[in-house]
Amino acid sequence: MKKIRQIALPLAILFIGAGSAYATSLASETKKAEIPGWKIDLENPENPCVMTSVQCSTVNTGNPCEITESTGVHQLYESSCETELFRIP
């Protein structure tokens, strides 16, 4: 019985640690969610922040998230139109 405890306890601790590490990595991946981009529409002063269908990321990939329309290229932001979003790689 003593021999089983000497083997089982370290294995249990190892598996608990591995499970915790896996759960932590999944949690950090969830933070990198895709969210819809919002553009600034200067022609609509009552509601200048307009949602688009383009999905962007909050993680800085080095490339800004943009949408090209007939009125030009617009940089996209979070729903408050203050925080810049980035292109999903």
Foldseek 3Di string as FASTA:
>chain_A
DVVCCVPVVVVVVVVVVVVVVVVVVVVVVVQFDWDWWWFAQPVDVVQRTGTDPDTFTLDCPVAFDWDQDPVGITTTAPRVRPHTTHHDD
